[in-house]
Amino acid sequence: MTRSQVSAGTQQEEAPTGGPTVLRILLGTQLRKLREAKGITREDAGWEIRASGSKISRMELGRVSFKERDVSDLLTLYGVTAENEREALLVLARQANNPGWWQQFSDVMPGWFQSYLGLEAAATLIRTYEIQFVPGLLQTPDYARAVIMLGHAGVTPEEMNKRVELRRQRQAILDRPEGPQLWAVIDEAVLRRPIGGVEVMKAQIEFLIEAAKKPNVRLQIIPFHAGGHAAAGGPFAVLRFPEPELPDVVYVEQLTSAIYLDKREDVDQYAMAMERVCIDAEPPSHTPEILGKLLHEVGRPA
């Protein structure tokens, strides 16, 4: 069995911090490997559980929930008879169906973003590039309110508070004892744009100065004088996970949806773009000085 299977068997019903998203991906990966080892097509596997080959594909990609009966039937089809191995994977299936902490906010966020929260919570490294807003993991409550208002002008006070609380709970992962490494590259325009007004931006920049001191936060700024750069097309994030079975995932958010990329060739292209913007940006050691200068310039006439 793999490390993740052993972990699932020993922890019983206690799910890892990453929540159901990564567990579904892990289980799907294991089922795909078992199917391929037996030379069974997706169509034949789908027939076994009264579904289609496309349903098997979605299961193997971790994009749907799992019925325990379906997993049991597939394990039988794939020749998995050892009771301890079957039970480890069935426990993983039960864990993968448990709601993540973010489910309490499902009424104020789209389903495609819930998948990202699961990946974010499970990642060991989050590399993000932003050209318009401060990354969500580094926003102050007032800055977050101003950003939310831009896209949800008619939001009620109750919904606003819930959306801000969602951001606050997301940020808690950076303070976990074994929290992820966050490597953020921000275009200077983000810090020049007065989201929420002068005082809000001052507080946001001060917050970034403190955040950059954390051992698991690396913050770089691309100055205007750097000119054009490799990732000028838009913001994106690359997430890496502790499980060796899981590939890196690229997350590209759009206005009404998001794209998740995990094919090697796609991930490599974005990884190279991220490397180039890191080279174009000022070194992390220069960030406190740059932010300090920007802090004094906020609100001054151009």
Protein backbone atom coordinates (compact mmCIF):
# COMPACT_ATOMS: atom_id res chain seq x y z
CA MET A 1 0.00 0.00 0.00
CA THR A 2 1.04 3.61 -0.46
CA ARG A 3 1.81 5.99 2.39
CA SER A 4 -1.61 7.62 2.01
CA GLN A 5 -3.37 4.26 2.24
CA VAL A 6 -1.49 3.31 5.38
CA SER A 7 -2.30 6.71 6.87
CA ALA A 8 -5.98 6.28 6.05
CA GLY A 9 -6.04 2.89 7.75
CA THR A 10 -4.28 3.99 10.93
CA GLN A 11 -6.14 7.25 11.40
CA GLN A 12 -9.50 5.51 10.94
CA GLU A 13 -12.20 8.14 10.50
CA GLU A 14 -10.00 11.16 11.23
CA ALA A 15 -9.42 13.07 8.00
CA PRO A 16 -6.21 15.04 7.36
CA THR A 17 -6.22 18.82 7.47
CA GLY A 18 -6.56 19.12 3.73
CA GLY A 19 -10.17 18.00 3.81
CA PRO A 20 -12.18 16.16 1.18
CA THR A 21 -10.78 17.72 -2.00
CA VAL A 22 -7.32 16.20 -1.73
CA LEU A 23 -8.71 12.96 -0.29
CA ARG A 24 -10.89 12.56 -3.39
CA ILE A 25 -7.85 13.14 -5.59
CA LEU A 26 -5.80 10.61 -3.61
CA LEU A 27 -8.50 7.98 -3.77
CA GLY A 28 -9.11 8.63 -7.46
CA THR A 29 -5.40 8.25 -8.15
CA GLN A 30 -5.30 4.91 -6.34
CA LEU A 31 -8.34 3.63 -8.23
CA ARG A 32 -6.84 4.69 -11.56
CA LYS A 33 -3.58 2.86 -10.81
CA LEU A 34 -5.46 -0.29 -9.81
CA ARG A 35 -7.61 -0.16 -12.94
CA GLU A 36 -4.66 0.39 -15.27
CA ALA A 37 -2.67 -2.41 -13.60
CA LYS A 38 -5.49 -4.81 -14.55
CA GLY A 39 -5.82 -3.42 -18.08
CA ILE A 40 -9.48 -2.53 -17.53
CA THR A 41 -11.00 0.29 -19.57
CA ARG A 42 -12.96 3.14 -18.03
CA GLU A 43 -16.03 1.97 -19.93
CA ASP A 44 -15.83 -1.53 -18.42
CA ALA A 45 -15.27 -0.09 -14.96
CA GLY A 46 -18.24 2.20 -15.43
CA TRP A 47 -20.43 -0.73 -16.47
CA GLU A 48 -19.51 -2.47 -13.20
CA ILE A 49 -20.95 0.37 -11.12
CA ARG A 50 -23.87 1.12 -13.43
CA ALA A 51 -22.25 4.32 -14.72
CA SER A 52 -20.35 5.63 -17.73
CA GLY A 53 -16.68 5.78 -18.58
CA SER A 54 -16.80 9.55 -18.14
CA LYS A 55 -18.04 9.03 -14.57
CA ILE A 56 -15.01 6.84 -13.89
CA SER A 57 -12.81 9.59 -15.35
CA ARG A 58 -14.31 12.18 -13.01
CA MET A 59 -13.89 9.84 -10.05
CA GLU A 60 -10.24 9.23 -10.89
CA LEU A 61 -9.63 12.96 -11.13
CA GLY A 62 -11.27 13.49 -7.74
CA ARG A 63 -13.95 15.77 -9.15
CA VAL A 64 -16.99 13.95 -7.76
CA SER A 65 -17.93 12.39 -4.45
CA PHE A 66 -17.64 8.63 -3.97
CA LYS A 67 -20.33 6.10 -3.08
CA GLU A 68 -18.82 3.52 -0.77
CA ARG A 69 -20.64 0.74 -2.64
CA ASP A 70 -19.13 1.89 -5.94
CA VAL A 71 -15.63 1.88 -4.48
CA SER A 72 -16.19 -1.59 -3.04
CA ASP A 73 -17.42 -2.91 -6.39
CA LEU A 74 -14.46 -1.38 -8.21
CA LEU A 75 -12.00 -2.88 -5.75
CA THR A 76 -13.53 -6.30 -6.37
CA LEU A 77 -13.28 -5.76 -10.14
CA TYR A 78 -9.64 -4.71 -9.77
CA GLY A 79 -8.80 -7.80 -7.76
CA VAL A 80 -8.20 -6.10 -4.41
CA THR A 81 -9.10 -8.85 -1.95
CA ALA A 82 -6.85 -8.15 1.05
CA GLU A 83 -9.17 -6.92 3.78
CA ASN A 84 -6.76 -4.37 5.23
CA GLU A 85 -6.14 -2.78 1.82
CA ARG A 86 -9.85 -2.68 0.99
CA GLU A 87 -10.69 -1.16 4.36
CA ALA A 88 -7.99 1.51 4.03
CA LEU A 89 -9.46 2.66 0.71
CA LEU A 90 -13.04 2.47 1.95
CA VAL A 91 -12.09 4.60 4.96
CA LEU A 92 -10.55 7.08 2.52
CA ALA A 93 -13.85 7.09 0.59
CA ARG A 94 -15.79 7.89 3.78
CA GLN A 95 -13.36 10.65 4.70
CA ALA A 96 -13.55 12.13 1.21
CA ASN A 97 -17.30 12.57 1.61
CA ASN A 98 -16.98 14.53 4.85
CA PRO A 99 -17.68 18.26 4.40
CA GLY A 100 -14.71 20.64 4.62
CA TRP A 101 -14.69 23.54 7.09
CA TRP A 102 -15.61 25.87 4.22
CA GLN A 103 -19.00 24.21 3.71
CA GLN A 104 -20.48 26.62 6.25
CA PHE A 105 -19.76 29.36 3.70
CA SER A 106 -21.25 27.54 0.70
CA ASP A 107 -24.07 30.10 0.44
CA VAL A 108 -21.63 32.93 -0.28
CA MET A 109 -19.15 31.26 -2.64
CA PRO A 110 -19.39 29.26 -5.88
CA GLY A 111 -18.75 25.54 -6.01
CA TRP A 112 -15.67 25.91 -8.20
CA PHE A 113 -13.97 27.97 -5.49
CA GLN A 114 -14.71 25.37 -2.82
CA SER A 115 -12.44 22.97 -4.68
CA TYR A 116 -9.63 25.50 -4.49
CA LEU A 117 -10.03 25.92 -0.73
CA GLY A 118 -9.53 22.20 -0.30
CA LEU A 119 -6.35 22.30 -2.36
CA GLU A 120 -5.09 25.41 -0.58
CA ALA A 121 -5.64 23.87 2.83
CA ALA A 122 -3.71 20.73 1.89
CA ALA A 123 -0.78 22.34 0.05
CA THR A 124 2.75 22.51 1.41
CA LEU A 125 3.74 25.25 -1.05
CA ILE A 126 1.51 27.94 -2.54
CA ARG A 127 3.07 30.14 -5.21
CA THR A 128 0.84 32.96 -6.38
CA TYR A 129 1.16 35.86 -8.80
CA GLU A 130 -1.21 38.85 -8.56
CA ILE A 131 -1.64 41.88 -10.80
CA GLN A 132 -4.76 43.55 -9.39
CA PHE A 133 -5.38 42.65 -5.75
CA VAL A 134 -3.38 41.63 -2.71
CA PRO A 135 -3.58 37.81 -2.45
CA GLY A 136 -6.53 36.64 -0.38
CA LEU A 137 -4.24 34.98 2.18
CA LEU A 138 -2.65 38.38 2.90
CA GLN A 139 -5.66 40.73 2.89
CA THR A 140 -6.76 42.77 5.89
CA PRO A 141 -10.49 42.65 6.76
CA ASP A 142 -11.09 46.22 5.54
CA TYR A 143 -9.20 45.63 2.30
CA ALA A 144 -11.17 42.41 1.81
CA ARG A 145 -14.43 44.32 2.30
CA ALA A 146 -13.43 46.83 -0.35
CA VAL A 147 -12.51 44.08 -2.82
CA ILE A 148 -15.77 42.24 -2.17
CA MET A 149 -17.76 45.42 -2.79
CA LEU A 150 -16.21 45.73 -6.25
CA GLY A 151 -17.81 42.48 -7.35
CA HIS A 152 -20.88 42.39 -5.11
CA ALA A 153 -22.21 45.93 -4.87
CA GLY A 154 -25.57 44.90 -3.42
CA VAL A 155 -24.24 42.56 -0.75
CA THR A 156 -26.04 42.64 2.63
CA PRO A 157 -24.07 43.39 5.82
CA GLU A 158 -24.59 39.80 6.96
CA GLU A 159 -23.25 38.35 3.72
CA MET A 160 -20.36 40.80 3.74
CA ASN A 161 -19.35 39.72 7.23
CA LYS A 162 -19.53 36.08 6.20
CA ARG A 163 -17.34 36.64 3.13
CA VAL A 164 -14.75 38.48 5.22
CA GLU A 165 -14.82 35.72 7.81
CA LEU A 166 -14.17 33.18 5.08
CA ARG A 167 -10.98 35.05 4.15
CA ARG A 168 -9.95 35.20 7.81
CA GLN A 169 -10.36 31.47 8.26
CA ARG A 170 -8.41 30.82 5.06
CA GLN A 171 -5.52 32.85 6.43
CA ALA A 172 -5.32 30.66 9.53
CA ILE A 173 -3.42 28.02 7.55
CA LEU A 174 -0.34 30.28 7.54
CA ASP A 175 -0.21 30.15 11.34
CA ARG A 176 -0.51 26.37 11.66
CA PRO A 177 2.58 24.69 13.17
CA GLU A 178 3.15 22.89 9.87
CA GLY A 179 1.44 25.43 7.65
CA PRO A 180 2.28 25.86 3.98
CA GLN A 181 4.99 28.03 2.52
CA LEU A 182 3.46 31.02 0.74
CA TRP A 183 5.52 32.59 -2.04
CA ALA A 184 3.65 35.58 -3.43
CA VAL A 185 4.73 37.84 -6.28
CA ILE A 186 2.76 41.09 -6.51
CA ASP A 187 2.82 43.66 -9.25
CA GLU A 188 3.56 47.19 -7.98
CA ALA A 189 0.23 48.32 -9.46
CA VAL A 190 -1.54 46.29 -6.77
CA LEU A 191 -0.01 48.44 -4.07
CA ARG A 192 -0.51 51.70 -5.96
CA ARG A 193 -4.22 51.08 -6.51
CA PRO A 194 -6.12 52.71 -3.60
CA ILE A 195 -8.61 49.93 -2.90
CA GLY A 196 -10.85 51.10 -0.07
CA GLY A 197 -9.16 54.48 0.25
CA VAL A 198 -5.93 55.80 1.73
CA GLU A 199 -6.29 54.53 5.29
CA VAL A 200 -7.30 51.06 4.17
CA MET A 201 -4.28 50.85 1.87
CA LYS A 202 -1.92 52.09 4.56
CA ALA A 203 -3.16 49.40 6.93
CA GLN A 204 -2.87 46.81 4.18
CA ILE A 205 0.73 47.72 3.40
CA GLU A 206 1.60 47.67 7.11
CA PHE A 207 0.06 44.22 7.30
CA LEU A 208 2.20 43.05 4.38
CA ILE A 209 5.32 44.38 6.09
CA GLU A 210 4.54 42.22 9.13
CA ALA A 211 3.49 39.22 7.04
CA ALA A 212 6.78 39.29 5.14
CA LYS A 213 8.57 38.68 8.46
CA LYS A 214 6.95 35.28 8.88
CA PRO A 215 9.33 32.40 8.20
CA ASN A 216 6.85 30.70 5.87
CA VAL A 217 5.99 33.80 3.79
CA ARG A 218 8.14 35.03 0.92
CA LEU A 219 6.91 38.22 -0.72
CA GLN A 220 8.28 39.81 -3.88
CA ILE A 221 7.21 42.93 -5.76
CA ILE A 222 7.57 43.53 -9.49
CA PRO A 223 8.35 47.24 -9.90
CA PHE A 224 7.04 49.33 -12.76
CA HIS A 225 10.55 49.80 -14.13
CA ALA A 226 10.74 46.04 -14.81
CA GLY A 227 8.54 46.65 -17.84
CA GLY A 228 6.59 43.73 -19.35
CA HIS A 229 7.04 40.27 -17.92
CA ALA A 230 6.30 36.61 -18.56
CA ALA A 231 2.97 36.31 -16.73
CA ALA A 232 1.39 39.56 -17.85
CA GLY A 233 -1.68 37.66 -19.04
CA GLY A 234 -3.22 37.37 -15.60
CA PRO A 235 -2.94 36.07 -12.04
CA PHE A 236 -2.52 32.39 -11.19
CA ALA A 237 -1.39 30.08 -8.42
CA VAL A 238 0.66 26.88 -8.38
CA LEU A 239 0.08 24.47 -5.49
CA ARG A 240 2.29 21.60 -4.35
CA PHE A 241 1.28 18.82 -1.95
CA PRO A 242 3.11 16.53 0.47
CA GLU A 243 1.76 13.34 -1.13
CA PRO A 244 4.15 12.18 -3.85
CA GLU A 245 1.21 10.71 -5.78
CA LEU A 246 -0.30 14.15 -6.33
CA PRO A 247 0.93 16.40 -9.15
CA ASP A 248 1.25 20.14 -8.78
CA VAL A 249 -1.97 21.96 -9.63
CA VAL A 250 -2.28 25.31 -11.40
CA TYR A 251 -5.29 27.43 -10.45
CA VAL A 252 -6.44 30.18 -12.82
CA GLU A 253 -9.47 32.12 -11.62
CA GLN A 254 -11.85 33.70 -14.11
CA LEU A 255 -14.85 35.99 -13.65
CA THR A 256 -17.45 33.24 -13.28
CA SER A 257 -15.37 30.06 -13.06
CA ALA A 258 -11.87 28.70 -12.61
CA ILE A 259 -9.47 26.42 -14.46
CA TYR A 260 -7.57 23.65 -12.70
CA LEU A 261 -4.56 22.29 -14.59
CA ASP A 262 -2.55 19.25 -13.55
CA LYS A 263 -1.17 17.92 -16.83
CA ARG A 264 2.61 17.97 -16.75
CA GLU A 265 3.02 20.12 -19.86
CA ASP A 266 0.56 22.75 -18.57
CA VAL A 267 2.06 22.85 -15.09
CA ASP A 268 5.57 23.15 -16.55
CA GLN A 269 4.55 26.18 -18.64
CA TYR A 270 3.11 27.99 -15.63
CA ALA A 271 6.04 26.96 -13.44
CA MET A 272 8.44 28.53 -15.95
CA ALA A 273 6.34 31.69 -16.07
CA MET A 274 6.41 31.83 -12.26
CA GLU A 275 10.17 31.43 -12.24
CA ARG A 276 10.55 34.29 -14.71
CA VAL A 277 8.36 36.70 -12.73
CA CYS A 278 10.37 35.84 -9.62
CA ILE A 279 13.49 36.85 -11.53
CA ASP A 280 11.83 40.05 -12.80
CA ALA A 281 10.69 40.94 -9.28
CA GLU A 282 12.86 42.56 -6.66
CA PRO A 283 14.47 40.05 -4.26
CA PRO A 284 12.51 39.25 -1.07
CA SER A 285 15.17 41.04 0.96
CA HIS A 286 14.18 44.31 -0.75
CA THR A 287 10.47 43.93 0.05
CA PRO A 288 10.43 45.67 3.47
CA GLU A 289 12.20 48.71 2.01
CA ILE A 290 9.86 48.87 -0.99
CA LEU A 291 6.77 48.53 1.19
CA GLY A 292 8.08 51.17 3.60
CA LYS A 293 8.55 53.60 0.74
CA LEU A 294 5.10 52.86 -0.65
CA LEU A 295 3.58 53.35 2.78
CA HIS A 296 4.88 56.92 2.90
CA GLU A 297 3.71 57.60 -0.65
CA VAL A 298 0.11 56.41 -0.20
CA GLY A 299 -2.28 59.33 -0.52
CA ARG A 300 0.28 61.77 -1.86
CA PRO A 301 -0.64 63.67 -5.02
CA ALA A 302 0.80 62.03 -8.14
